[in-house]
C-alpha atoms as a PDB file:
ATOM      1  CA  UNK A   1     109.644 113.814 111.657  1.00  0.00           C
ATOM      2  CA  UNK A   2     107.341 116.218 109.429  1.00  0.00           C
ATOM      3  CA  UNK A   3     104.648 117.844 111.708  1.00  0.00           C
ATOM      4  CA  UNK A   4     101.281 117.983 110.572  1.00  0.00           C
ATOM      5  CA  UNK A   5      99.860 121.058 109.066  1.00  0.00           C
ATOM      6  CA  UNK A   6      97.569 122.619 111.828  1.00  0.00           C
ATOM      7  CA  UNK A   7      97.072 126.043 109.692  1.00  0.00           C
ATOM      8  CA  UNK A   8      93.858 125.062 108.450  1.00  0.00           C
ATOM      9  CA  UNK A   9      95.398 124.062 104.661  1.00  0.00           C
ATOM     10  CA  UNK A  10      92.469 123.331 102.479  1.00  0.00           C
ATOM     11  CA  UNK A  11      94.834 122.922  98.915  1.00  0.00           C
ATOM     12  CA  UNK A  12      94.695 119.369  99.305  1.00  0.00           C
ATOM     13  CA  UNK A  13      92.298 116.636  99.731  1.00  0.00           C
ATOM     14  CA  UNK A  14      92.859 112.569 100.529  1.00  0.00           C
ATOM     15  CA  UNK A  15      90.190 110.499  98.369  1.00  0.00           C
ATOM     16  CA  UNK A  16      89.651 107.471 100.598  1.00  0.00           C
ATOM     17  CA  UNK A  17      87.304 105.625  97.677  1.00  0.00           C
ATOM     18  CA  UNK A  18      83.654 104.770  96.793  1.00  0.00           C
ATOM     19  CA  UNK A  19      81.764 103.794  99.612  1.00  0.00           C
ATOM     20  CA  UNK A  20      80.643 100.052  99.221  1.00  0.00           C
ATOM     21  CA  UNK A  21      78.006 100.106 102.204  1.00  0.00           C
ATOM     22  CA  UNK A  22      77.247 101.560 105.312  1.00  0.00           C
ATOM     23  CA  UNK A  23      75.890  99.780 108.677  1.00  0.00           C
ATOM     24  CA  UNK A  24      75.488 102.065 111.551  1.00  0.00           C
ATOM     25  CA  UNK A  25      78.655 103.881 112.267  1.00  0.00           C
ATOM     26  CA  UNK A  26      80.642 101.514 110.084  1.00  0.00           C
ATOM     27  CA  UNK A  27      81.281 102.538 106.228  1.00  0.00           C
ATOM     28  CA  UNK A  28      83.024 100.031 104.174  1.00  0.00           C
ATOM     29  CA  UNK A  29      84.964 101.041 100.791  1.00  0.00           C
ATOM     30  CA  UNK A  30      85.016  99.026  97.510  1.00  0.00           C
ATOM     31  CA  UNK A  31      89.100  99.003  97.918  1.00  0.00           C
ATOM     32  CA  UNK A  32      91.251  99.251 101.279  1.00  0.00           C
ATOM     33  CA  UNK A  33      91.740 102.347 103.139  1.00  0.00           C
ATOM     34  CA  UNK A  34      93.783 101.071 105.921  1.00  0.00           C
ATOM     35  CA  UNK A  35      96.960 102.291 104.538  1.00  0.00           C
ATOM     36  CA  UNK A  36      95.948 105.686 103.289  1.00  0.00           C
ATOM     37  CA  UNK A  37      97.567 108.658 104.965  1.00  0.00           C
ATOM     38  CA  UNK A  38      94.659 109.631 107.343  1.00  0.00           C
ATOM     39  CA  UNK A  39      94.400 110.618 111.033  1.00  0.00           C
ATOM     40  CA  UNK A  40      91.953 109.096 113.708  1.00  0.00           C
ATOM     41  CA  UNK A  41      89.580 112.413 114.270  1.00  0.00           C
ATOM     42  CA  UNK A  42      89.943 113.518 110.522  1.00  0.00           C
ATOM     43  CA  UNK A  43      86.416 114.745 109.423  1.00  0.00           C
ATOM     44  CA  UNK A  44      84.919 113.063 106.228  1.00  0.00           C
ATOM     45  CA  UNK A  45      83.519 114.924 103.235  1.00  0.00           C
ATOM     46  CA  UNK A  46      81.708 113.740 100.270  1.00  0.00           C
ATOM     47  CA  UNK A  47      83.126 114.197  96.622  1.00  0.00           C
ATOM     48  CA  UNK A  48      80.665 113.960  93.729  1.00  0.00           C
ATOM     49  CA  UNK A  49      82.392 115.513  90.566  1.00  0.00           C
ATOM     50  CA  UNK A  50      84.801 118.348  91.742  1.00  0.00           C
ATOM     51  CA  UNK A  51      82.187 119.407  94.490  1.00  0.00           C
ATOM     52  CA  UNK A  52      82.804 118.353  98.138  1.00  0.00           C
ATOM     53  CA  UNK A  53      80.336 118.432 101.125  1.00  0.00           C
ATOM     54  CA  UNK A  54      80.915 117.957 104.793  1.00  0.00           C
ATOM     55  CA  UNK A  55      79.405 115.567 106.568  1.00  0.00           C
ATOM     56  CA  UNK A  56      80.439 116.372 110.164  1.00  0.00           C
ATOM     57  CA  UNK A  57      81.502 112.998 110.799  1.00  0.00           C
ATOM     58  CA  UNK A  58      84.998 112.182 112.251  1.00  0.00           C
ATOM     59  CA  UNK A  59      86.832 108.790 111.996  1.00  0.00           C
ATOM     60  CA  UNK A  60      87.085 106.950 115.184  1.00  0.00           C
ATOM     61  CA  UNK A  61      89.026 103.953 113.955  1.00  0.00           C
ATOM     62  CA  UNK A  62      89.830 101.191 111.693  1.00  0.00           C
ATOM     63  CA  UNK A  63      87.936  98.115 111.702  1.00  0.00           C
ATOM     64  CA  UNK A  64      88.792  96.109 108.775  1.00  0.00           C
ATOM     65  CA  UNK A  65      91.514  96.785 105.846  1.00  0.00           C
ATOM     66  CA  UNK A  66      88.145  98.171 103.795  1.00  0.00           C
ATOM     67  CA  UNK A  67      86.294  99.692 106.673  1.00  0.00           C
ATOM     68  CA  UNK A  68      86.349 102.341 109.471  1.00  0.00           C
ATOM     69  CA  UNK A  69      83.947 103.510 112.020  1.00  0.00           C
ATOM     70  CA  UNK A  70      82.828 107.256 112.734  1.00  0.00           C
ATOM     71  CA  UNK A  71      81.723 108.651 115.868  1.00  0.00           C
ATOM     72  CA  UNK A  72      77.923 109.400 114.771  1.00  0.00           C
ATOM     73  CA  UNK A  73      76.373 107.192 112.423  1.00  0.00           C
ATOM     74  CA  UNK A  74      76.352 108.077 108.811  1.00  0.00           C
ATOM     75  CA  UNK A  75      72.635 108.662 108.269  1.00  0.00           C
ATOM     76  CA  UNK A  76      71.979 111.273 105.374  1.00  0.00           C
ATOM     77  CA  UNK A  77      74.246 110.810 102.362  1.00  0.00           C
ATOM     78  CA  UNK A  78      74.130 108.418  99.559  1.00  0.00           C
ATOM     79  CA  UNK A  79      76.808 106.244  98.742  1.00  0.00           C
ATOM     80  CA  UNK A  80      79.125 108.259  97.248  1.00  0.00           C
ATOM     81  CA  UNK A  81      83.085 108.828  97.288  1.00  0.00           C
ATOM     82  CA  UNK A  82      84.307 109.932 100.359  1.00  0.00           C
ATOM     83  CA  UNK A  83      87.705 112.107 101.234  1.00  0.00           C
ATOM     84  CA  UNK A  84      89.128 114.254 103.957  1.00  0.00           C
END
């Protein structure tokens, strides 16, 4: 098994996809996200063009193939592309 990079590398991002809807602590995407290589506890960012903005929200669980929950409700960001 290859261990996860714990050195704080910022040389890569995983783009989860375009957000379809947000309801409380649930974020739904336009395409499936359940098989993408992310880890529960990863911090979400928004991606607009080449600009990444941290949200401070951690993924807390997968609730559906196109949806996951976050530890704090999504409140201040418009519907955009999300990445890690």
